[in-house]
Every structure is written in structure tokens, then in C-alpha cells.
Amino acid sequence: MPPKGASTSVNPMRLQSVSRLKIRHPDKQEANPCIGPMTAMLSCWASSANATGGSQGCAGLEKALRECMDKPRPKSGHKSNINYHLSRLYPQIKGPERRKGSLG
């Protein structure tokens, strides 16, 4: 790397080349809305798993979890198309390639 204040026209900076541009996860996953009821039900089952013989106190939580799971999920709307455009425009960004075996 050239010293601070040095001209880059004399000592050009070389950037690392990449084979393709890609954003890893352009669409963020939404949290599952049924995690809360499921956690509550599992903790109820764990606390009532003693020798009493049943989980009658957890029936309300089980019903809430079933209702949550039976609800239709909303369709995911817009998917990001950033990776499509990056792959389409990358050849114009990186410039022409040298052919193997050529010096120029």
C-alpha cells in the first residue's frame, strides 16, 4: 500500500478480484409467530411431567398452539432481485478479461 499522501497514479492500488458479486441473504426470514405458544406449552409439559399422570393444566396452551399452527400463513410478497441484477451487470463492472496465454 502506498504511503499516506502518495499519488496513486505513480503507485496504483491493486484491488482483490472477485469471481462474482452476490449478496448472501437479501430476503430476511420472518420470525415464526407460533414460537411463543410452543415455548409456553413445552415448558408447561416439562414442569408437569412428574408422577401426577397427565398434563391437564396445559390444555389451554395446546389449544392456543393448534390455533396458531392452523392459521394460514400470509404469502411472502416481494422477493429481492438484487442478485439477478448483480450477475447481469458484473461483466460491465469488471471490464474486459485477458485471454489465457496472452501477455496484453
Protein backbone atom coordinates (compact mmCIF):
# COMPACT_ATOMS: atom_id res chain seq x y z
CA MET A 1 0.00 0.00 0.00
CA PRO A 2 1.43 3.42 -0.87
CA PRO A 3 2.33 5.77 1.99
CA LYS A 4 -0.22 8.32 3.09
CA GLY A 5 -0.33 11.27 0.71
CA ALA A 6 1.42 9.41 -2.15
CA SER A 7 -0.05 9.68 -5.60
CA THR A 8 -1.98 6.66 -6.80
CA SER A 9 -1.10 7.44 -10.42
CA VAL A 10 2.53 6.55 -9.68
CA ASN A 11 1.73 3.59 -7.41
CA PRO A 12 -1.70 2.32 -8.48
CA MET A 13 -3.66 0.41 -5.86
CA ARG A 14 -4.50 -3.16 -6.82
CA LEU A 15 -7.85 -4.37 -5.59
CA GLN A 16 -8.59 -8.00 -4.99
CA SER A 17 -10.59 -9.52 -7.83
CA VAL A 18 -13.79 -11.45 -7.26
CA SER A 19 -15.32 -14.09 -9.49
CA ARG A 20 -18.90 -12.90 -8.94
CA LEU A 21 -20.93 -10.46 -6.90
CA LYS A 22 -23.61 -11.83 -4.61
CA ILE A 23 -25.47 -10.72 -1.52
CA ARG A 24 -25.90 -13.72 0.77
CA HIS A 25 -29.38 -13.27 2.21
CA PRO A 26 -31.23 -10.41 0.53
CA ASP A 27 -34.60 -11.61 1.85
CA LYS A 28 -34.76 -11.68 5.62
CA GLN A 29 -36.63 -14.54 7.22
CA GLU A 30 -39.62 -13.54 9.30
CA ALA A 31 -39.85 -14.90 12.82
CA ASN A 32 -42.41 -17.66 13.29
CA PRO A 33 -45.40 -16.25 15.24
CA CYS A 34 -46.04 -19.64 16.89
CA ILE A 35 -42.74 -19.77 18.77
CA GLY A 36 -44.22 -18.11 21.86
CA PRO A 37 -47.16 -20.53 22.30
CA MET A 38 -44.92 -23.51 21.54
CA THR A 39 -42.35 -22.44 24.15
CA ALA A 40 -45.07 -21.94 26.74
CA MET A 41 -46.58 -25.36 26.00
CA LEU A 42 -43.22 -27.16 26.15
CA SER A 43 -42.32 -25.52 29.46
CA CYS A 44 -45.75 -26.46 30.84
CA TRP A 45 -45.19 -30.06 29.77
CA ALA A 46 -41.70 -30.07 31.32
CA SER A 47 -42.95 -28.68 34.64
CA SER A 48 -45.92 -31.06 34.87
CA ALA A 49 -44.05 -34.22 33.85
CA ASN A 50 -43.97 -35.52 37.39
CA ALA A 51 -45.86 -38.60 38.61
CA THR A 52 -49.32 -36.92 38.62
CA GLY A 53 -50.21 -38.77 35.44
CA GLY A 54 -51.26 -36.10 32.91
CA SER A 55 -50.95 -32.62 31.59
CA GLN A 56 -54.49 -31.35 32.19
CA GLY A 57 -53.21 -27.85 33.05
CA CYS A 58 -51.59 -27.49 29.62
CA ALA A 59 -54.78 -28.00 27.57
CA GLY A 60 -55.30 -24.26 27.06
CA LEU A 61 -51.74 -23.83 25.81
CA GLU A 62 -52.09 -26.81 23.48
CA LYS A 63 -55.27 -25.32 22.04
CA ALA A 64 -53.57 -21.93 21.52
CA LEU A 65 -50.68 -23.62 19.71
CA ARG A 66 -53.04 -25.61 17.46
CA GLU A 67 -54.94 -22.42 16.54
CA CYS A 68 -51.70 -20.65 15.75
CA MET A 69 -50.42 -23.52 13.61
CA ASP A 70 -53.73 -23.88 11.74
CA LYS A 71 -53.84 -20.22 10.68
CA PRO A 72 -52.95 -19.74 7.03
CA ARG A 73 -49.57 -18.11 6.56
CA PRO A 74 -49.53 -14.93 4.54
CA LYS A 75 -47.86 -15.28 1.18
CA SER A 76 -44.46 -13.65 1.06
CA GLY A 77 -44.76 -10.61 -1.12
CA HIS A 78 -41.81 -9.19 -2.98
CA LYS A 79 -38.62 -11.20 -3.37
CA SER A 80 -35.41 -9.27 -3.82
CA ASN A 81 -33.90 -9.46 -7.28
CA ILE A 82 -30.57 -7.82 -6.38
CA ASN A 83 -28.52 -10.95 -7.11
CA TYR A 84 -30.05 -11.22 -10.60
CA HIS A 85 -29.05 -7.64 -11.40
CA LEU A 86 -25.57 -8.05 -9.90
CA SER A 87 -24.89 -11.11 -12.06
CA ARG A 88 -26.27 -9.32 -15.12
CA LEU A 89 -24.19 -6.15 -14.62
CA TYR A 90 -20.96 -7.74 -13.35
CA PRO A 91 -19.36 -8.11 -16.81
CA GLN A 92 -19.73 -4.34 -17.38
CA ILE A 93 -18.28 -3.56 -13.92
CA LYS A 94 -15.17 -5.73 -14.10
CA GLY A 95 -14.19 -4.82 -17.64
CA PRO A 96 -12.71 -6.98 -20.39
CA GLU A 97 -10.84 -10.15 -19.50
CA ARG A 98 -7.47 -11.23 -20.81
CA ARG A 99 -7.41 -14.47 -22.69
CA LYS A 100 -5.30 -17.26 -21.29
CA GLY A 101 -1.83 -17.30 -22.78
CA SER A 102 -1.84 -13.67 -23.94
CA LEU A 103 0.50 -11.09 -22.48
CA GLY A 104 -1.55 -7.97 -23.16
